[in-house]
PDB file of all heavy atoms in Angstrom:
ATOM      1  N   THR A   1    -112.506 220.611  -8.046  1.00  0.00           N
ATOM      2  CA  THR A   1    -112.977 221.967  -8.257  1.00  0.00           C
ATOM      3  C   THR A   1    -113.866 222.382  -7.081  1.00  0.00           C
ATOM      4  O   THR A   1    -114.251 221.561  -6.257  1.00  0.00           O
ATOM      5  CB  THR A   1    -113.782 222.050  -9.565  1.00  0.00           C
ATOM      6  OG1 THR A   1    -114.883 221.141  -9.490  1.00  0.00           O
ATOM      7  CG2 THR A   1    -112.911 221.680 -10.744  1.00  0.00           C
ATOM      8  N   LYS A   2    -114.196 223.650  -7.035  1.00  0.00           N
ATOM      9  CA  LYS A   2    -115.001 224.144  -5.924  1.00  0.00           C
ATOM     10  C   LYS A   2    -116.441 223.687  -6.007  1.00  0.00           C
ATOM     11  O   LYS A   2    -117.142 223.621  -4.998  1.00  0.00           O
ATOM     12  CB  LYS A   2    -114.934 225.681  -5.866  1.00  0.00           C
ATOM     13  CG  LYS A   2    -113.573 226.217  -5.459  1.00  0.00           C
ATOM     14  CD  LYS A   2    -113.604 227.731  -5.312  1.00  0.00           C
ATOM     15  CE  LYS A   2    -112.249 228.252  -4.860  1.00  0.00           C
ATOM     16  NZ  LYS A   2    -112.250 229.732  -4.692  1.00  0.00           N
ATOM     17  N   GLU A   3    -116.899 223.378  -7.203  1.00  0.00           N
ATOM     18  CA  GLU A   3    -118.293 222.979  -7.362  1.00  0.00           C
ATOM     19  C   GLU A   3    -118.351 221.633  -8.080  1.00  0.00           C
ATOM     20  O   GLU A   3    -117.873 221.491  -9.202  1.00  0.00           O
ATOM     21  CB  GLU A   3    -119.068 224.026  -8.161  1.00  0.00           C
ATOM     22  CG  GLU A   3    -119.211 225.358  -7.451  1.00  0.00           C
ATOM     23  CD  GLU A   3    -119.931 225.250  -6.122  1.00  0.00           C
ATOM     24  OE1 GLU A   3    -120.802 224.364  -5.975  1.00  0.00           O
ATOM     25  OE2 GLU A   3    -119.622 226.037  -5.220  1.00  0.00           O
ATOM     26  N   LEU A   4    -118.925 220.673  -7.418  1.00  0.00           N
ATOM     27  CA  LEU A   4    -119.128 219.340  -7.971  1.00  0.00           C
ATOM     28  C   LEU A   4    -120.488 218.843  -7.501  1.00  0.00           C
ATOM     29  O   LEU A   4    -121.029 219.343  -6.504  1.00  0.00           O
ATOM     30  CB  LEU A   4    -118.041 218.371  -7.482  1.00  0.00           C
ATOM     31  CG  LEU A   4    -116.678 218.392  -8.176  1.00  0.00           C
ATOM     32  CD1 LEU A   4    -115.699 217.519  -7.408  1.00  0.00           C
ATOM     33  CD2 LEU A   4    -116.799 217.891  -9.610  1.00  0.00           C
ATOM     34  N   PRO A   5    -121.070 217.852  -8.177  1.00  0.00           N
ATOM     35  CA  PRO A   5    -122.250 217.190  -7.612  1.00  0.00           C
ATOM     36  C   PRO A   5    -121.809 216.336  -6.428  1.00  0.00           C
ATOM     37  O   PRO A   5    -121.475 215.159  -6.570  1.00  0.00           O
ATOM     38  CB  PRO A   5    -122.772 216.349  -8.785  1.00  0.00           C
ATOM     39  CG  PRO A   5    -121.590 216.130  -9.666  1.00  0.00           C
ATOM     40  CD  PRO A   5    -120.712 217.328  -9.495  1.00  0.00           C
ATOM     41  N   TRP A   6    -121.772 216.956  -5.245  1.00  0.00           N
ATOM     42  CA  TRP A   6    -121.135 216.329  -4.091  1.00  0.00           C
ATOM     43  C   TRP A   6    -121.775 215.006  -3.705  1.00  0.00           C
ATOM     44  O   TRP A   6    -121.124 214.148  -3.095  1.00  0.00           O
ATOM     45  CB  TRP A   6    -121.141 217.295  -2.910  1.00  0.00           C
ATOM     46  CG  TRP A   6    -120.391 218.550  -3.179  1.00  0.00           C
ATOM     47  CD1 TRP A   6    -120.897 219.809  -3.295  1.00  0.00           C
ATOM     48  CD2 TRP A   6    -118.980 218.675  -3.420  1.00  0.00           C
ATOM     49  NE1 TRP A   6    -119.912 220.715  -3.592  1.00  0.00           N
ATOM     50  CE2 TRP A   6    -118.709 220.046  -3.664  1.00  0.00           C
ATOM     51  CE3 TRP A   6    -117.919 217.773  -3.460  1.00  0.00           C
ATOM     52  CZ2 TRP A   6    -117.441 220.522  -3.941  1.00  0.00           C
ATOM     53  CZ3 TRP A   6    -116.651 218.242  -3.727  1.00  0.00           C
ATOM     54  CH2 TRP A   6    -116.413 219.594  -3.956  1.00  0.00           C
ATOM     55  N   ASP A   7    -123.049 214.835  -4.052  1.00  0.00           N
ATOM     56  CA  ASP A   7    -123.707 213.570  -3.703  1.00  0.00           C
ATOM     57  C   ASP A   7    -123.093 212.401  -4.470  1.00  0.00           C
ATOM     58  O   ASP A   7    -123.320 211.239  -4.112  1.00  0.00           O
ATOM     59  CB  ASP A   7    -125.209 213.653  -3.981  1.00  0.00           C
ATOM     60  CG  ASP A   7    -125.518 213.955  -5.433  1.00  0.00           C
ATOM     61  OD1 ASP A   7    -124.957 214.927  -5.967  1.00  0.00           O
ATOM     62  OD2 ASP A   7    -126.312 213.217  -6.033  1.00  0.00           O
ATOM     63  N   LYS A   8    -122.310 212.686  -5.502  1.00  0.00           N
ATOM     64  CA  LYS A   8    -121.639 211.617  -6.253  1.00  0.00           C
ATOM     65  C   LYS A   8    -120.341 211.171  -5.570  1.00  0.00           C
ATOM     66  O   LYS A   8    -119.728 210.189  -5.990  1.00  0.00           O
ATOM     67  CB  LYS A   8    -121.326 212.076  -7.679  1.00  0.00           C
ATOM     68  CG  LYS A   8    -122.535 212.552  -8.477  1.00  0.00           C
ATOM     69  CD  LYS A   8    -123.542 211.435  -8.662  1.00  0.00           C
ATOM     70  CE  LYS A   8    -124.704 211.904  -9.538  1.00  0.00           C
ATOM     71  NZ  LYS A   8    -125.780 210.880  -9.632  1.00  0.00           N
ATOM     72  N   ALA A   9    -119.901 211.925  -4.560  1.00  0.00           N
ATOM     73  CA  ALA A   9    -118.674 211.574  -3.841  1.00  0.00           C
ATOM     74  C   ALA A   9    -118.989 210.457  -2.852  1.00  0.00           C
ATOM     75  O   ALA A   9    -119.230 210.683  -1.674  1.00  0.00           O
ATOM     76  CB  ALA A   9    -118.107 212.795  -3.124  1.00  0.00           C
ATOM     77  N   ASP A  10    -118.971 209.239  -3.352  1.00  0.00           N
ATOM     78  CA  ASP A  10    -119.426 208.089  -2.569  1.00  0.00           C
ATOM     79  C   ASP A  10    -118.779 206.842  -3.155  1.00  0.00           C
ATOM     80  O   ASP A  10    -118.773 206.659  -4.378  1.00  0.00           O
ATOM     81  CB  ASP A  10    -120.959 207.993  -2.653  1.00  0.00           C
ATOM     82  CG  ASP A  10    -121.545 207.006  -1.662  1.00  0.00           C
ATOM     83  OD1 ASP A  10    -121.006 205.893  -1.534  1.00  0.00           O
ATOM     84  OD2 ASP A  10    -122.567 207.349  -1.036  1.00  0.00           O
ATOM     85  N   LEU A  11    -118.235 205.977  -2.304  1.00  0.00           N
ATOM     86  CA  LEU A  11    -117.605 204.754  -2.811  1.00  0.00           C
ATOM     87  C   LEU A  11    -118.595 203.833  -3.502  1.00  0.00           C
ATOM     88  O   LEU A  11    -118.199 202.941  -4.252  1.00  0.00           O
ATOM     89  CB  LEU A  11    -116.892 204.010  -1.682  1.00  0.00           C
ATOM     90  CG  LEU A  11    -115.567 204.621  -1.219  1.00  0.00           C
ATOM     91  CD1 LEU A  11    -115.016 203.832  -0.047  1.00  0.00           C
ATOM     92  CD2 LEU A  11    -114.562 204.672  -2.347  1.00  0.00           C
ATOM     93  N   ASN A  12    -119.862 204.036  -3.246  1.00  0.00           N
ATOM     94  CA  ASN A  12    -120.878 203.229  -3.918  1.00  0.00           C
ATOM     95  C   ASN A  12    -121.266 203.795  -5.284  1.00  0.00           C
ATOM     96  O   ASN A  12    -122.062 203.189  -6.001  1.00  0.00           O
ATOM     97  CB  ASN A  12    -122.129 203.108  -3.043  1.00  0.00           C
ATOM     98  CG  ASN A  12    -121.870 202.302  -1.790  1.00  0.00           C
ATOM     99  OD1 ASN A  12    -121.214 201.272  -1.838  1.00  0.00           O
ATOM    100  ND2 ASN A  12    -122.370 202.784  -0.657  1.00  0.00           N
ATOM    101  N   VAL A  13    -120.727 204.962  -5.639  1.00  0.00           N
ATOM    102  CA  VAL A  13    -121.012 205.592  -6.932  1.00  0.00           C
ATOM    103  C   VAL A  13    -119.779 205.442  -7.813  1.00  0.00           C
ATOM    104  O   VAL A  13    -118.732 206.033  -7.533  1.00  0.00           O
ATOM    105  CB  VAL A  13    -121.382 207.076  -6.770  1.00  0.00           C
ATOM    106  CG1 VAL A  13    -121.571 207.727  -8.133  1.00  0.00           C
ATOM    107  CG2 VAL A  13    -122.645 207.222  -5.922  1.00  0.00           C
ATOM    108  N   LEU A  14    -119.890 204.658  -8.860  1.00  0.00           N
ATOM    109  CA  LEU A  14    -118.808 204.453  -9.821  1.00  0.00           C
ATOM    110  C   LEU A  14    -119.164 205.139 -11.131  1.00  0.00           C
ATOM    111  O   LEU A  14    -120.224 204.883 -11.698  1.00  0.00           O
ATOM    112  CB  LEU A  14    -118.577 202.957 -10.060  1.00  0.00           C
ATOM    113  CG  LEU A  14    -117.831 202.176  -8.974  1.00  0.00           C
ATOM    114  CD1 LEU A  14    -118.003 200.684  -9.184  1.00  0.00           C
ATOM    115  CD2 LEU A  14    -116.355 202.535  -8.983  1.00  0.00           C
ATOM    116  N   LEU A  15    -118.289 206.032 -11.592  1.00  0.00           N
ATOM    117  CA  LEU A  15    -118.492 206.730 -12.857  1.00  0.00           C
ATOM    118  C   LEU A  15    -117.223 206.586 -13.696  1.00  0.00           C
ATOM    119  O   LEU A  15    -116.127 206.395 -13.157  1.00  0.00           O
ATOM    120  CB  LEU A  15    -118.776 208.213 -12.601  1.00  0.00           C
ATOM    121  CG  LEU A  15    -120.069 208.537 -11.840  1.00  0.00           C
ATOM    122  CD1 LEU A  15    -120.110 210.020 -11.494  1.00  0.00           C
ATOM    123  CD2 LEU A  15    -121.282 208.140 -12.652  1.00  0.00           C
ATOM    124  N   PRO A  16    -117.334 206.685 -15.004  1.00  0.00           N
ATOM    125  CA  PRO A  16    -116.126 206.630 -15.838  1.00  0.00           C
ATOM    126  C   PRO A  16    -115.142 207.732 -15.437  1.00  0.00           C
ATOM    127  O   PRO A  16    -115.543 208.853 -15.109  1.00  0.00           O
ATOM    128  CB  PRO A  16    -116.660 206.856 -17.250  1.00  0.00           C
ATOM    129  CG  PRO A  16    -118.107 206.485 -17.191  1.00  0.00           C
ATOM    130  CD  PRO A  16    -118.566 206.841 -15.809  1.00  0.00           C
ATOM    131  N   ARG A  17    -113.866 207.417 -15.464  1.00  0.00           N
ATOM    132  CA  ARG A  17    -112.868 208.424 -15.106  1.00  0.00           C
ATOM    133  C   ARG A  17    -113.013 209.663 -15.987  1.00  0.00           C
ATOM    134  O   ARG A  17    -112.750 210.788 -15.533  1.00  0.00           O
ATOM    135  CB  ARG A  17    -111.464 207.812 -15.230  1.00  0.00           C
ATOM    136  CG  ARG A  17    -110.370 208.701 -14.729  1.00  0.00           C
ATOM    137  CD  ARG A  17    -109.115 207.933 -14.325  1.00  0.00           C
ATOM    138  NE  ARG A  17    -108.651 206.994 -15.347  1.00  0.00           N
ATOM    139  CZ  ARG A  17    -107.576 206.209 -15.198  1.00  0.00           C
ATOM    140  NH1 ARG A  17    -106.871 206.251 -14.070  1.00  0.00           N
ATOM    141  NH2 ARG A  17    -107.212 205.383 -16.162  1.00  0.00           N
ATOM    142  N   SER A  18    -113.440 209.471 -17.211  1.00  0.00           N
ATOM    143  CA  SER A  18    -113.618 210.609 -18.112  1.00  0.00           C
ATOM    144  C   SER A  18    -114.651 211.598 -17.583  1.00  0.00           C
ATOM    145  O   SER A  18    -114.548 212.809 -17.824  1.00  0.00           O
ATOM    146  CB  SER A  18    -114.027 210.118 -19.502  1.00  0.00           C
ATOM    147  OG  SER A  18    -115.221 209.345 -19.442  1.00  0.00           O
ATOM    148  N   GLN A  19    -115.655 211.099 -16.862  1.00  0.00           N
ATOM    149  CA  GLN A  19    -116.662 211.997 -16.307  1.00  0.00           C
ATOM    150  C   GLN A  19    -116.064 212.888 -15.223  1.00  0.00           C
ATOM    151  O   GLN A  19    -116.335 214.088 -15.161  1.00  0.00           O
ATOM    152  CB  GLN A  19    -117.836 211.200 -15.733  1.00  0.00           C
ATOM    153  CG  GLN A  19    -118.923 212.064 -15.103  1.00  0.00           C
ATOM    154  CD  GLN A  19    -119.567 212.999 -16.110  1.00  0.00           C
ATOM    155  OE1 GLN A  19    -120.265 212.565 -17.018  1.00  0.00           O
ATOM    156  NE2 GLN A  19    -119.327 214.302 -15.964  1.00  0.00           N
ATOM    157  N   TRP A  20    -115.227 212.301 -14.381  1.00  0.00           N
ATOM    158  CA  TRP A  20    -114.585 213.095 -13.342  1.00  0.00           C
ATOM    159  C   TRP A  20    -113.677 214.149 -13.980  1.00  0.00           C
ATOM    160  O   TRP A  20    -113.611 215.291 -13.508  1.00  0.00           O
ATOM    161  CB  TRP A  20    -113.779 212.199 -12.400  1.00  0.00           C
ATOM    162  CG  TRP A  20    -114.605 211.185 -11.666  1.00  0.00           C
ATOM    163  CD1 TRP A  20    -114.576 209.834 -11.796  1.00  0.00           C
ATOM    164  CD2 TRP A  20    -115.605 211.462 -10.665  1.00  0.00           C
ATOM    165  NE1 TRP A  20    -115.487 209.237 -10.954  1.00  0.00           N
ATOM    166  CE2 TRP A  20    -116.135 210.212 -10.242  1.00  0.00           C
ATOM    167  CE3 TRP A  20    -116.108 212.622 -10.080  1.00  0.00           C
ATOM    168  CZ2 TRP A  20    -117.118 210.100  -9.277  1.00  0.00           C
ATOM    169  CZ3 TRP A  20    -117.097 212.510  -9.107  1.00  0.00           C
ATOM    170  CH2 TRP A  20    -117.594 211.270  -8.729  1.00  0.00           C
ATOM    171  N   VAL A  21    -112.990 213.779 -15.050  1.00  0.00           N
ATOM    172  CA  VAL A  21    -112.123 214.734 -15.754  1.00  0.00           C
ATOM    173  C   VAL A  21    -112.955 215.870 -16.339  1.00  0.00           C
ATOM    174  O   VAL A  21    -112.566 217.049 -16.270  1.00  0.00           O
ATOM    175  CB  VAL A  21    -111.307 214.012 -16.846  1.00  0.00           C
ATOM    176  CG1 VAL A  21    -110.561 215.031 -17.718  1.00  0.00           C
ATOM    177  CG2 VAL A  21    -110.324 213.024 -16.229  1.00  0.00           C
ATOM    178  N   ARG A  22    -114.123 215.535 -16.914  1.00  0.00           N
ATOM    179  CA  ARG A  22    -114.998 216.581 -17.472  1.00  0.00           C
ATOM    180  C   ARG A  22    -115.468 217.542 -16.394  1.00  0.00           C
ATOM    181  O   ARG A  22    -115.703 218.722 -16.664  1.00  0.00           O
ATOM    182  CB  ARG A  22    -116.200 215.945 -18.185  1.00  0.00           C
ATOM    183  CG  ARG A  22    -115.872 215.395 -19.557  1.00  0.00           C
ATOM    184  CD  ARG A  22    -117.141 215.134 -20.364  1.00  0.00           C
ATOM    185  NE  ARG A  22    -117.966 214.077 -19.788  1.00  0.00           N
ATOM    186  CZ  ARG A  22    -117.825 212.788 -20.064  1.00  0.00           C
ATOM    187  NH1 ARG A  22    -116.863 212.393 -20.906  1.00  0.00           N
ATOM    188  NH2 ARG A  22    -118.612 211.895 -19.522  1.00  0.00           N
ATOM    189  N   TRP A  23    -115.609 217.058 -15.176  1.00  0.00           N
ATOM    190  CA  TRP A  23    -116.025 217.922 -14.078  1.00  0.00           C
ATOM    191  C   TRP A  23    -114.866 218.716 -13.507  1.00  0.00           C
ATOM    192  O   TRP A  23    -115.023 219.426 -12.514  1.00  0.00           O
ATOM    193  CB  TRP A  23    -116.693 217.095 -12.986  1.00  0.00           C
ATOM    194  CG  TRP A  23    -118.118 216.738 -13.301  1.00  0.00           C
ATOM    195  CD1 TRP A  23    -118.969 217.415 -14.108  1.00  0.00           C
ATOM    196  CD2 TRP A  23    -118.855 215.621 -12.792  1.00  0.00           C
ATOM    197  NE1 TRP A  23    -120.209 216.793 -14.133  1.00  0.00           N
ATOM    198  CE2 TRP A  23    -120.170 215.689 -13.336  1.00  0.00           C
ATOM    199  CE3 TRP A  23    -118.558 214.567 -11.934  1.00  0.00           C
ATOM    200  CZ2 TRP A  23    -121.167 214.753 -13.052  1.00  0.00           C
ATOM    201  CZ3 TRP A  23    -119.553 213.633 -11.642  1.00  0.00           C
ATOM    202  CH2 TRP A  23    -120.840 213.724 -12.198  1.00  0.00           C
ATOM    203  N   GLY A  24    -113.709 218.599 -14.107  1.00  0.00           N
ATOM    204  CA  GLY A  24    -112.579 219.437 -13.715  1.00  0.00           C
ATOM    205  C   GLY A  24    -111.627 218.826 -12.718  1.00  0.00           C
ATOM    206  O   GLY A  24    -110.716 219.512 -12.224  1.00  0.00           O
ATOM    207  N   ILE A  25    -111.802 217.538 -12.401  1.00  0.00           N
ATOM    208  CA  ILE A  25    -110.882 216.893 -11.462  1.00  0.00           C
ATOM    209  C   ILE A  25    -109.554 216.613 -12.161  1.00  0.00           C
ATOM    210  O   ILE A  25    -109.519 216.128 -13.292  1.00  0.00           O
ATOM    211  CB  ILE A  25    -111.515 215.596 -10.909  1.00  0.00           C
ATOM    212  CG1 ILE A  25    -112.655 215.968  -9.955  1.00  0.00           C
ATOM    213  CG2 ILE A  25    -110.495 214.733 -10.218  1.00  0.00           C
ATOM    214  CD1 ILE A  25    -113.363 214.782  -9.350  1.00  0.00           C
ATOM    215  N   GLU A  26    -108.460 216.920 -11.459  1.00  0.00           N
ATOM    216  CA  GLU A  26    -107.127 216.743 -12.015  1.00  0.00           C
ATOM    217  C   GLU A  26    -106.290 215.829 -11.134  1.00  0.00           C
ATOM    218  O   GLU A  26    -106.447 215.824  -9.899  1.00  0.00           O
ATOM    219  CB  GLU A  26    -106.412 218.103 -12.137  1.00  0.00           C
ATOM    220  CG  GLU A  26    -107.117 219.099 -13.038  1.00  0.00           C
ATOM    221  CD  GLU A  26    -106.408 220.435 -13.052  1.00  0.00           C
ATOM    222  OE1 GLU A  26    -105.588 220.678 -12.141  1.00  0.00           O
ATOM    223  OE2 GLU A  26    -106.680 221.234 -13.963  1.00  0.00           O
ATOM    224  N   GLY A  27    -105.400 215.083 -11.749  1.00  0.00           N
ATOM    225  CA  GLY A  27    -104.490 214.233 -10.995  1.00  0.00           C
ATOM    226  C   GLY A  27    -103.395 215.048 -10.331  1.00  0.00           C
ATOM    227  O   GLY A  27    -103.050 216.143 -10.777  1.00  0.00           O
ATOM    228  N   VAL A  28    -102.867 214.511  -9.235  1.00  0.00           N
ATOM    229  CA  VAL A  28    -101.734 215.120  -8.547  1.00  0.00           C
ATOM    230  C   VAL A  28    -100.506 214.274  -8.868  1.00  0.00           C
ATOM    231  O   VAL A  28    -100.441 213.100  -8.513  1.00  0.00           O
ATOM    232  CB  VAL A  28    -101.966 215.158  -7.023  1.00  0.00           C
ATOM    233  CG1 VAL A  28    -100.713 215.665  -6.309  1.00  0.00           C
ATOM    234  CG2 VAL A  28    -103.165 216.030  -6.687  1.00  0.00           C
ATOM    235  N   GLY A  29     -99.555 214.880  -9.561  1.00  0.00           N
ATOM    236  CA  GLY A  29     -98.342 214.158  -9.917  1.00  0.00           C
ATOM    237  C   GLY A  29     -98.394 213.498 -11.276  1.00  0.00           C
ATOM    238  O   GLY A  29     -97.359 213.134 -11.836  1.00  0.00           O
ATOM    239  N   GLN A  30     -99.581 213.323 -11.818  1.00  0.00           N
ATOM    240  CA  GLN A  30     -99.712 212.773 -13.165  1.00  0.00           C
ATOM    241  C   GLN A  30    -101.089 213.139 -13.718  1.00  0.00           C
ATOM    242  O   GLN A  30    -102.031 213.392 -12.964  1.00  0.00           O
ATOM    243  CB  GLN A  30     -99.542 211.249 -13.169  1.00  0.00           C
ATOM    244  CG  GLN A  30    -100.587 210.496 -12.367  1.00  0.00           C
ATOM    245  CD  GLN A  30    -100.391 208.984 -12.434  1.00  0.00           C
ATOM    246  OE1 GLN A  30     -99.516 208.492 -13.135  1.00  0.00           O
ATOM    247  NE2 GLN A  30    -101.220 208.257 -11.714  1.00  0.00           N
TER     248      GLN A  30
END
């Protein structure tokens, strides 16, 4: 999405996949 907590975009930050989905992230192809 256009707005995310960008500081969380880091390989050292692991969050449940459900959290990314709640923030509006969608899979490509599935």
